[in-house]
Structure formats: structure tokens, C-alpha cells
Amino acid sequence: MRGCYSSNKDWPSLVLISELIGLLIFIISFTTLVFTCNPSILTELSGTPKPPTMEILALSVSGLNVSYTNKNVSAKWGVELVVQNPNLFSTLYLDHMVGMVLYKEEVIGVSSLEKKLIALGPMEHKFVSFKVWKKDWDIDDEDQPKVKEWVVENIMMDKHKEKINFSVQMGVWGKIKSSWWSSKSIIMNPRCMDLTINFVPMRGFGMLLDEEPIRCYVPMLDN
């Protein structure tokens, strides 16, 4: 009876097949480990990427004036913040942004940012700044909110305390693209609440007290 044996010529093919099988097992094991340790990757690839992070770097107010006669507040606020895309694969596009300044949850000034597309690649961050300018003669301006009487009275009292709390809120419209086949429109409403301004009454000027960036809450909805 002829014995079973393998020709020496078959060994290179067997070794190559064995190496390919080993490589395939390694790739499967590594991929499983990555998705197990970081489930957000799988969530992102499935079409549910994370919202961007936003941090306030600076907030200032100048020319703050309160008019009892007109029941109005006039000032210029300057806002600087950093926006970061925390996703590993998705690209974030911000098409349009509206900035608002609030006092005790009451909107007192609105500004529409320039319509300039901001694109944030994976893990990329960019700096954004805007100004909200509310003037004395904006009383009948439909683009600016009506300031309630109690807001005028409270801001007047806070001016003498040399500390005023303002909040910054934004409306952001954009799009997230996770891959060439996955893209969706989004609406975000970032909120940076209770920012304490160190105010100098004689100059009508104040700046944010915090030296470290302040993280904002960023709810995101599909449009």
C-alpha cells in the first residue's frame, strides 16, 4: 500500500494558507476588541455620531447702559469659543449659526453669524468668535428681543455689585457625514450658562472671571 505523504512542493502553499488564516484571526480578534473597548466607534459607524464639544474661552461686555426711560439695555458682547469634533471618522459641517446673550434665561441680544461654512474633520477643532451688539435705538428692531422691565431693573442692581451673570446660547444648523453613504442634517442648541462677568461700573466694561475654558452643554437633534 502506498503511504500518504505531501510533496515538498506543497509546503510553501500550506505555509502561506496558514499565515493568511492566522492574519484573518488576528484582524477579527483585534476588531472585536476595539469595538468592545470603545463601543462609540460602532455607534458612530452605525450613523449616530457624537455632537461636537464647545468651550467658552472668553466673554466680554462693553458700553453696558441701562435706560429706565426706554426700558432697554444697550451693550456690546464679545464671545470667543472653541469647537471640536470628537468623532474618529465623521466630518462635521456647520452651515449657519445664531448667537444669543441671556440674562437669567431671558434673551436680551441676538446676532446672526456670517454665513461661512465651518468644516471640522475627525478630532479637529477650530476657534469661533462673534459679537452681539444691542443699541439704545433697537427698541423697535424686530431682530432684537424686547427686554422685560424686571430684567432692566435687575441688571441695574447687578451693575453696582460689580459682578453680572450672563449666559450664551446658540442655534446651529449643519450636517454630519460619517461616510460616503451616510450623511444627515442636524440642529444644535449649545448652552453656556451662568458666566460671571467681573464688571467695572465706571467704564461700563467687564470680562469673564474664569481662566480655564468653560464646557457648554450641546444637545443635538436630527433635522
Protein backbone atom coordinates (compact mmCIF):
# COMPACT_ATOMS: atom_id res chain seq x y z
CA MET A 1 0.00 0.00 0.00
CA ARG A 2 1.32 3.39 -0.96
CA GLY A 3 1.77 5.68 2.06
CA CYS A 4 0.21 9.15 2.24
CA TYR A 5 2.68 11.96 2.09
CA SER A 6 2.90 15.57 0.94
CA SER A 7 5.29 16.69 -1.67
CA ASN A 8 7.87 19.27 -0.65
CA LYS A 9 6.42 21.44 -3.39
CA ASP A 10 3.16 21.76 -1.39
CA TRP A 11 4.81 23.19 1.74
CA PRO A 12 5.07 26.84 0.57
CA SER A 13 1.35 26.86 -0.27
CA LEU A 14 0.43 25.31 3.08
CA VAL A 15 2.59 27.82 4.96
CA LEU A 16 1.03 30.73 3.05
CA ILE A 17 -2.51 29.50 3.76
CA SER A 18 -1.64 29.04 7.43
CA GLU A 19 -0.25 32.59 7.64
CA LEU A 20 -3.33 34.04 5.94
CA ILE A 21 -5.64 32.20 8.34
CA GLY A 22 -3.59 33.46 11.29
CA LEU A 23 -3.73 37.03 9.95
CA LEU A 24 -7.51 36.79 9.46
CA ILE A 25 -7.98 35.52 13.03
CA PHE A 26 -5.83 38.39 14.34
CA ILE A 27 -7.82 41.01 12.39
CA ILE A 28 -11.14 39.61 13.63
CA SER A 29 -9.89 39.43 17.22
CA PHE A 30 -8.41 42.94 17.11
CA THR A 31 -11.57 44.43 15.56
CA THR A 32 -13.75 42.72 18.17
CA LEU A 33 -11.51 44.01 20.96
CA VAL A 34 -11.59 47.60 19.62
CA PHE A 35 -15.38 47.65 19.31
CA THR A 36 -15.76 46.04 22.74
CA CYS A 37 -13.45 48.53 24.47
CA ASN A 38 -14.76 51.53 22.52
CA PRO A 39 -18.42 50.95 21.56
CA SER A 40 -18.71 54.60 20.45
CA ILE A 41 -16.84 53.66 17.26
CA LEU A 42 -19.55 51.15 16.33
CA THR A 43 -22.21 53.70 17.29
CA GLU A 44 -20.58 56.31 15.06
CA LEU A 45 -20.28 53.96 12.09
CA SER A 46 -23.91 52.92 12.52
CA GLY A 47 -24.99 56.52 11.84
CA THR A 48 -25.14 58.01 15.35
CA PRO A 49 -22.02 60.18 15.76
CA LYS A 50 -21.41 62.27 18.87
CA PRO A 51 -22.21 66.02 18.94
CA PRO A 52 -19.29 68.46 18.91
CA THR A 53 -17.87 69.84 22.13
CA MET A 54 -17.89 73.60 22.70
CA GLU A 55 -15.98 75.59 25.29
CA ILE A 56 -16.16 79.30 26.11
CA LEU A 57 -12.69 80.85 26.05
CA ALA A 58 -13.66 84.49 26.62
CA LEU A 59 -16.71 86.65 27.19
CA SER A 60 -16.63 90.43 27.48
CA VAL A 61 -19.17 93.23 27.66
CA SER A 62 -18.58 96.90 26.85
CA GLY A 63 -20.73 100.03 26.78
CA LEU A 64 -23.30 98.47 29.09
CA ASN A 65 -26.04 101.03 29.61
CA VAL A 66 -29.45 100.63 31.22
CA SER A 67 -32.24 103.06 30.32
CA TYR A 68 -35.20 103.32 32.68
CA THR A 69 -36.86 105.76 30.29
CA ASN A 70 -36.83 103.42 27.29
CA LYS A 71 -36.89 100.26 29.40
CA ASN A 72 -33.98 98.97 27.39
CA VAL A 73 -30.44 97.63 27.72
CA SER A 74 -27.63 98.50 25.32
CA ALA A 75 -24.21 96.84 25.19
CA LYS A 76 -21.73 95.01 23.00
CA TRP A 77 -20.81 91.44 23.98
CA GLY A 78 -17.81 89.62 22.55
CA VAL A 79 -17.76 85.81 22.59
CA GLU A 80 -14.83 83.51 21.84
CA LEU A 81 -15.14 79.74 21.89
CA VAL A 82 -13.54 76.58 20.57
CA VAL A 83 -15.50 73.87 18.74
CA GLN A 84 -14.15 70.32 18.49
CA ASN A 85 -15.34 67.30 16.56
CA PRO A 86 -14.88 64.31 18.94
CA ASN A 87 -15.64 61.65 16.31
CA LEU A 88 -12.98 59.38 14.83
CA PHE A 89 -14.50 59.03 11.35
CA SER A 90 -17.23 61.64 10.90
CA THR A 91 -16.81 65.12 9.40
CA LEU A 92 -18.91 67.95 10.82
CA TYR A 93 -20.16 70.84 8.68
CA LEU A 94 -21.60 73.95 10.37
CA ASP A 95 -23.66 75.89 7.81
CA HIS A 96 -25.27 78.66 9.87
CA MET A 97 -25.07 79.91 13.46
CA VAL A 98 -27.04 82.39 15.54
CA GLY A 99 -25.59 83.69 18.82
CA MET A 100 -27.63 84.94 21.78
CA VAL A 101 -26.85 86.56 25.13
CA LEU A 102 -29.19 85.85 28.03
CA TYR A 103 -29.76 87.31 31.46
CA LYS A 104 -31.44 84.88 33.88
CA GLU A 105 -32.71 82.80 30.92
CA GLU A 106 -34.16 85.88 29.19
CA VAL A 107 -32.70 86.62 25.74
CA ILE A 108 -31.51 90.25 25.61
CA GLY A 109 -29.39 90.25 22.45
CA VAL A 110 -29.19 88.26 19.19
CA SER A 111 -26.58 88.13 16.45
CA SER A 112 -26.54 86.12 13.22
CA LEU A 113 -23.02 84.95 12.42
CA GLU A 114 -21.61 85.31 8.93
CA LYS A 115 -22.75 82.53 6.65
CA LYS A 116 -19.35 80.93 6.38
CA LEU A 117 -19.15 77.14 6.20
CA ILE A 118 -17.07 75.66 9.00
CA ALA A 119 -15.81 72.14 8.31
CA LEU A 120 -14.39 70.03 11.14
CA GLY A 121 -12.64 66.81 10.21
CA PRO A 122 -12.33 63.88 12.64
CA MET A 123 -10.90 65.05 16.01
CA GLU A 124 -10.33 68.55 14.58
CA HIS A 125 -11.03 71.79 16.47
CA LYS A 126 -11.49 75.40 15.35
CA PHE A 127 -11.94 78.76 17.03
CA VAL A 128 -15.15 80.74 16.57
CA SER A 129 -15.87 84.30 17.68
CA PHE A 130 -18.85 86.60 17.32
CA LYS A 131 -20.30 89.83 18.72
CA VAL A 132 -23.79 90.68 19.91
CA TRP A 133 -24.45 94.42 19.65
CA LYS A 134 -27.65 95.77 21.16
CA LYS A 135 -28.17 99.52 20.81
CA ASP A 136 -30.42 102.04 22.54
CA TRP A 137 -32.44 102.56 19.38
CA ASP A 138 -33.10 98.83 18.88
CA ILE A 139 -36.40 99.09 20.77
CA ASP A 140 -38.47 98.59 17.62
CA ASP A 141 -35.95 96.32 15.88
CA GLU A 142 -37.72 93.05 15.06
CA ASP A 143 -34.38 91.22 15.04
CA GLN A 144 -33.77 92.07 18.70
CA PRO A 145 -35.90 90.79 21.61
CA LYS A 146 -37.97 93.07 23.81
CA VAL A 147 -36.26 93.48 27.18
CA LYS A 148 -38.64 92.97 30.08
CA GLU A 149 -38.88 95.62 32.77
CA TRP A 150 -37.72 93.33 35.58
CA VAL A 151 -34.60 92.47 33.53
CA VAL A 152 -33.75 96.17 33.20
CA GLU A 153 -34.16 96.66 36.96
CA ASN A 154 -32.08 93.59 37.88
CA ILE A 155 -29.20 94.47 35.54
CA MET A 156 -29.12 97.96 37.03
CA MET A 157 -28.75 96.48 40.53
CA ASP A 158 -26.10 93.97 39.39
CA LYS A 159 -24.01 96.75 37.82
CA HIS A 160 -23.40 98.21 41.28
CA LYS A 161 -22.36 94.80 42.65
CA GLU A 162 -19.54 94.67 40.05
CA LYS A 163 -20.49 91.12 39.06
CA ILE A 164 -23.08 90.21 36.44
CA ASN A 165 -24.03 86.74 35.25
CA PHE A 166 -24.77 86.34 31.55
CA SER A 167 -25.35 83.18 29.53
CA VAL A 168 -24.51 82.42 25.91
CA GLN A 169 -26.78 80.29 23.76
CA MET A 170 -26.55 79.39 20.09
CA GLY A 171 -28.64 77.95 17.31
CA VAL A 172 -26.50 75.89 14.92
CA TRP A 173 -27.59 74.23 11.67
CA GLY A 174 -25.29 71.80 9.93
CA LYS A 175 -24.58 68.31 8.67
CA ILE A 176 -22.62 65.27 9.81
CA LYS A 177 -21.09 62.96 7.24
CA SER A 178 -19.96 59.61 8.66
CA SER A 179 -19.08 58.01 5.33
CA TRP A 180 -19.72 58.40 1.63
CA TRP A 181 -23.11 56.73 2.07
CA SER A 182 -24.13 58.21 5.44
CA SER A 183 -24.96 61.91 5.85
CA LYS A 184 -27.65 63.70 7.86
CA SER A 185 -28.73 67.24 8.70
CA ILE A 186 -28.57 68.30 12.35
CA ILE A 187 -29.69 71.15 14.62
CA MET A 188 -27.77 72.02 17.78
CA ASN A 189 -28.56 74.34 20.66
CA PRO A 190 -25.31 74.91 22.62
CA ARG A 191 -25.83 76.48 26.05
CA CYS A 192 -23.13 78.08 28.19
CA MET A 193 -24.96 79.13 31.33
CA ASP A 194 -24.23 81.47 34.27
CA LEU A 195 -20.96 83.04 33.14
CA THR A 196 -19.79 85.51 35.78
CA ILE A 197 -18.54 88.84 34.42
CA ASN A 198 -16.23 90.96 36.57
CA PHE A 199 -17.71 94.40 35.88
CA VAL A 200 -16.23 97.91 36.22
CA PRO A 201 -19.23 100.27 36.59
CA MET A 202 -17.34 103.49 35.86
CA ARG A 203 -16.19 102.14 32.49
CA GLY A 204 -19.19 100.02 31.60
CA PHE A 205 -16.81 97.16 30.82
CA GLY A 206 -16.43 93.63 32.14
CA MET A 207 -14.73 90.30 31.39
CA LEU A 208 -15.19 86.65 32.25
CA LEU A 209 -13.55 85.68 35.54
CA ASP A 210 -12.71 82.06 34.74
CA GLU A 211 -9.22 81.48 33.39
CA GLU A 212 -9.95 77.91 32.24
CA PRO A 213 -12.25 77.12 29.27
CA ILE A 214 -15.86 76.52 30.30
CA ARG A 215 -17.59 73.48 28.78
CA CYS A 216 -21.00 74.11 27.22
CA TYR A 217 -23.95 71.74 27.02
CA VAL A 218 -24.59 70.80 23.37
CA PRO A 219 -27.89 68.99 22.66
CA MET A 220 -28.14 67.75 19.06
CA LEU A 221 -31.21 66.72 17.06
CA ASP A 222 -31.66 65.26 13.60
CA ASN A 223 -33.24 67.75 11.23
